[in-house]
Amino acid sequence: MRTLPSDDAARGAPAPRIVLVAQEPPLRKPDSAGAGYLRDLVDLLVERGADVAVIVPETDTARRAETDAVGYALILVPAAPAPSGLPSRAHAIGVRLAPIRPPRGFLAALRRDPAVRAVLRHADIVDVQWPTMTAALPALRRLAPSARLIATMHDVASQGLRRQRERARTPRSWARFLVSAAQARAVEVRTTALADTVIVFSDKDRALLPQTERVEVVDPPLGLTTTSDAAAATSAREALFVGPMYRGENREALRWFADDIWPRVRASAPDARLVVAGRATEAQRAAYAEVPGIEFLGFVEDLEPVYARAAAVIAPLQVGAGVKFKVVEALVRGVPVIGTSVAFEGIGDDARRPRAHDDAAGFALALVEALQDPAAARAGALAWRTWSVQHYSPDAFARRIAGIYALAPSPAAAEPEDLPARASVVIPVRDGAHGIARQLSALSRQDQAALLDVIVADNGSTDRTAEVALAYRPCFRDLRIVDAGARPGVNHARNAGLRAARTEAVLFCDHDDEVHPGWATALIAALDGADVVGGRLLLTTEGAQATGEVGALPTALGYLPYAVGANLAVARSAALAIGGFDESFRRGHDEVDFCWRLQEAGSGIAFAPDATVSYHQRRRVRDRARQSYHSARTSVLLWTRHHDLGRLRLPSWRRSVLHALGSIRYLPGLLSTLRRDESARALGWVWGTLDGQLRYRVLGSPPPPQLIAARDEGAAL
C-alpha cells in the first residue's frame, strides 16, 4: 500500500526555500495591482515559515524597498548600462516590437552574480513573476536544476496586444501590435512548456493559454479582512475612477469616458463629480482642466474613505488583459461598478457575469441611475459583494498558495468543533493537483462545510494531489486522503470512498467540477425521502458562462432515470447492499447502472434542483468525440446487464453496422466551425456503438460485474 502524506507530516516538513524573480519589489504601499499581489504573496510565504528571497532588477524603487524587506532577502541585480547612438535606437525599436521581455542585461547579470547563483542553486521553488520575466526560465532551469519552476502570469499579454491591434488607427501601429502580439503569444507558449506550474488569476486567462493541466487559477487576496464602512449608502453624486495614469489602458479609458460619456452624465446630473485616484503628471491633469466636475487626487494611500463616499466606481476600459483588481476591490466593498466587458472579464462564475456597458449611451445611463439613487445601487451590489468576498478572501488565497507552494498548514487554524459529521463527500481523483483546489474551495464555501467529512479517494496519483488537498483540511469537519490505487478507474475510487465514509449520507462530486452554494444542504435534505438523489448540472467550459444545463434526472435506453456521478448523493447502507459501483464499467454509464440497480432493488430516486454543480466540459473537440465514443460503447454493456428486466432501446447489430457505414455523411461537418462539434460527437457515438456491439454481443461477452460484496464477501457491510 502506498504511503500518502498526512497533515502531521506536513507540519514537520522542512521550510521550503522559495526564490521569486520579479520585475519590481514587493512594496509596502504599491500603486499597481501586480506589486500588491507580490507583497501579499511574500507576506504569506514568510508567515508560513518559508525561506524567501526576491530577485529584482536594481532601480531607485528597488533600493528604497530594501528598508521594507523584513523576513525575506531582497537581491538587487544591477542594470546594464544604457546604450547610446545606434544601439540605443535599435534597442528602443526592439522593445516596441517585442515588449514582453526583461530589462536589458538582466539575464546576463542573473548568470554572473555569485549571490544569485548561490540562492538559486539551493532553491526548492523558483517563481517567475510577470510575463516579462519568463524569458529567464531556460537560464533558471540550469541555475536551479532541482527546483520546481512556477511562472505567475499576471495577465495574458497577447490578448491586450491583440486588442491594441484591433484599435490601431494607422497601418504602422497595426503592424507593430501584430508583431508584438505574436511575440507575446510565443512567450506564453514557451512558458507553459517550460514551467512546472503556471499561475493565472482567472478561468478566462487559463482558457487563453495553451491547453495543459499545469495551469492553475489563483484568486488574489482582494477580499476584506474586516467589515468596511464602504457598504453603507451614500448621498454624494460622486463617481470614482481608480488607476495610475502611467498605464496606457487607464489613459485611454479616462479619455473615452471624458469625451463620450461624461457629457451625457452631466446633462442628466449637472452636479455629478468624478474623482480620479492614481498617480498622474501635471500634463495629464492639465488635459482635463476644461472638463467640468473632474478632480485628480493623485496617489491615495488609504482608499477606504474614497470608496465610502462614492456612489459608483467606473471602469470604462477598452483595452488590456487579465483580471482588473480595482474592479474586484470595489465589489468586495459593496460599491456598484459600472464597467465594460473588458473591465469585467475573468470576474463572475458559470451562472452569471456582471452586466457590462460597452457603448457610451448605455454606460452613461447606468451611471446616472447609480448617481440619482445611490442607496438602491448599493443594495443591488450586495450580491456581488458576497460573491467577491468569498472568492477573493485572504483565507481562500492562503489555502490555495499553501497547496501550490508546499507550505505547512496555518499554525493559527483552529480544529473543527467536536460535532458529528452530517455527510461524507467523496471526491475520486487521479493526478488532480491542478484541478482539485477549485472543487475544494467551492466545498469550503458550503454553509455545511464544518459538518462535512471530505474523502479524497486517490486513484494512484503520481503528482501533488494529496499535498494540495490537505491544505483545505481546516475548512471541514475532517478531510482524509484514502488510498484507492489498487485498481485504476473512477468506480474503484468511488467504492473506496463509499467504504471509508462515516455517515449514512454520502455525496459524490468530481475533482475538476465546482459545486454551487447550498449544494450539500439540498442533497442532504433530499436524501430524507429517497436513497439516491441527483442534482442540477450547468454545462460549462473554462472562462465562459454556462452553455446548457441538465435540469432534471436524465434517462438512458428508454428505461429508468439516473443521477450523474458528478452530482449524486446516496444512502450508504443502500449503496453497500447492492455492492456499490460496478468497477467493470470504464468511461461511461457506471452511474446509470448504479442508479438502476438501486431502483431495481426497491430504492427511490429523487431530484434536488437546488443542488447545482458547474459541470466542466472537455475543451477540445477530439476529447468530446472520444467521450461520446466511450459513452456509446458502455451503453451496450449497460444493455447486456439490464435487458432482461426491461425493454431497453438499443440498435441491433445489423443497424449499428449500417450506421457506421453511413457515418461518412458526418465528415463534411468536421470542416465547418458551426457543425464540427456536433459531427465529431456523432461520429464518436456511431463507432462507439459498433465497438460495443463487437465487444459485448458478437465477438466477445460482457465482463462479469466487479462489486464490493462480490469481491470482498461483504466485509464492507
Foldseek 3Di string as FASTA:
>chain_A
DDDFDDQVVLQVDDAAAEEEEEAAALAPQDQDPQSVLNVLVVVLSLLLPHAYEYEYADDPRLVVCCVVPPSYHYHYQYADDQDDDPVNVVVVLVCLLAVLAHGPPRLVSCVPDPVNLVSLCRGQEYEYEESRRLVNLVVSCVSNVNHAYEYEHAWQVLQQLVLQLVVDDDPVSVVSSVSHSVNSLVSLQVSVVRHQAYEAAFLQRQVVGPDDLRYAHFHAQLADPDQALLLDFALALEEEEEHAPVDPQSLVQVVCCQPQAVVLLCVLVVQHAYEYEEADDPVSVVVCPVRPRYYYPYHDSDCRVVSNRHLAYEAAGSGDTGADSVVLNSLLNLHHYAYACRNFFRPDDQADTDDHDNDNVVSNVVSNVSSVCSVVRSVVSVVSNVVSNLRNHSLLNSLQVCLVVSGRANPPQDQQDPDAALEEEEEEDAQCSSAQSQALSQLLPEPRFQRYEYEYQYQHHPDSNSSSVNSSQSSHNGYYYFDQNPDDARQSSVVSSLLVIPAQKYWYAYRRWYWHYPQVVLSSVVCVPWFKEAEKEFEDARRHHGPDIDQAFDAALPDDGFHDRRTMMGGSVLCVVLQHFFRLQHLECRRVLSRVSSVVVPTDYYYRHVGYMHDYDDDDLLVLLQSLLSHLLVSLVVCVVPVVPDPGHDDDLVVLVVLLVPLVVLVVLCVDPVRNSVSSSSNSNSNSNNVNCCDPPNVHHRDDTDGNCVVVVSPSD
